[in-house]
Amino acid sequence: MPQLIFFAIIGIVAYFGYRHFVREAERVTAKIRRHEQQARNHADGTLVFDPKTGEYRPAKD
């Protein structure tokens, strides 16, 4: 019985670790694609609208 609990805990940790890895990989991939698109368009950055001030500011990565 202790082996079953041990392997269940290992399985749960592996599952959440994999989900975290995939989420991080998607974030990095999106950042790389955004930078490639900016390089293609000769842009210095992406502007984001700030509703509080009504101004556009460079996006934070």
Protein backbone atom coordinates (compact mmCIF):
# COMPACT_ATOMS: atom_id res chain seq x y z
CA MET A 1 0.00 0.00 0.00
CA PRO A 2 2.79 2.55 0.73
CA GLN A 3 4.18 1.90 -2.77
CA LEU A 4 0.81 2.80 -4.29
CA ILE A 5 0.70 6.10 -2.39
CA PHE A 6 4.31 6.84 -3.34
CA PHE A 7 3.68 6.24 -7.05
CA ALA A 8 0.44 8.23 -6.93
CA ILE A 9 2.32 11.21 -5.46
CA ILE A 10 5.05 10.85 -8.09
CA GLY A 11 2.41 10.74 -10.82
CA ILE A 12 0.67 13.86 -9.54
CA VAL A 13 3.95 15.79 -9.28
CA ALA A 14 4.93 14.68 -12.80
CA TYR A 15 1.56 15.76 -14.19
CA PHE A 16 1.73 19.24 -12.68
CA GLY A 17 5.39 19.58 -13.66
CA TYR A 18 4.54 18.71 -17.26
CA ARG A 19 1.68 21.24 -17.31
CA HIS A 20 4.00 23.94 -15.97
CA PHE A 21 6.63 23.05 -18.59
CA VAL A 22 4.10 23.25 -21.45
CA ARG A 23 2.74 26.58 -20.21
CA GLU A 24 6.25 28.04 -20.00
CA ALA A 25 7.15 26.72 -23.46
CA GLU A 26 4.03 28.34 -24.96
CA ARG A 27 4.88 31.65 -23.28
CA VAL A 28 8.43 31.61 -24.62
CA THR A 29 7.28 30.60 -28.10
CA ALA A 30 4.76 33.45 -28.20
CA LYS A 31 7.44 35.90 -27.11
CA ILE A 32 9.81 34.71 -29.84
CA ARG A 33 7.10 34.94 -32.50
CA ARG A 34 6.19 38.44 -31.34
CA HIS A 35 9.84 39.54 -31.61
CA GLU A 36 10.19 37.96 -35.05
CA GLN A 37 7.05 39.79 -36.23
CA GLN A 38 8.41 43.07 -34.88
CA ALA A 39 11.72 42.49 -36.68
CA ARG A 40 9.87 41.75 -39.93
CA ASN A 41 7.85 44.97 -39.60
CA HIS A 42 10.87 47.01 -38.47
CA ALA A 43 8.96 47.93 -35.31
CA ASP A 44 10.60 49.03 -32.08
CA GLY A 45 7.95 47.36 -29.91
CA THR A 46 4.28 46.66 -29.48
CA LEU A 47 2.08 49.41 -28.09
CA VAL A 48 -0.66 48.62 -25.58
CA PHE A 49 -3.55 50.92 -24.72
CA ASP A 50 -3.73 51.97 -21.05
CA PRO A 51 -7.42 52.62 -20.28
CA LYS A 52 -6.66 54.57 -17.07
CA THR A 53 -4.56 57.26 -18.75
CA GLY A 54 -5.81 56.88 -22.32
CA GLU A 55 -2.25 56.59 -23.63
CA TYR A 56 -0.40 53.93 -25.55
CA ARG A 57 2.70 52.49 -23.92
CA PRO A 58 5.24 49.85 -24.99
CA ALA A 59 4.23 46.33 -23.96
CA LYS A 60 6.11 44.77 -21.07
CA ASP A 61 7.51 41.29 -21.63
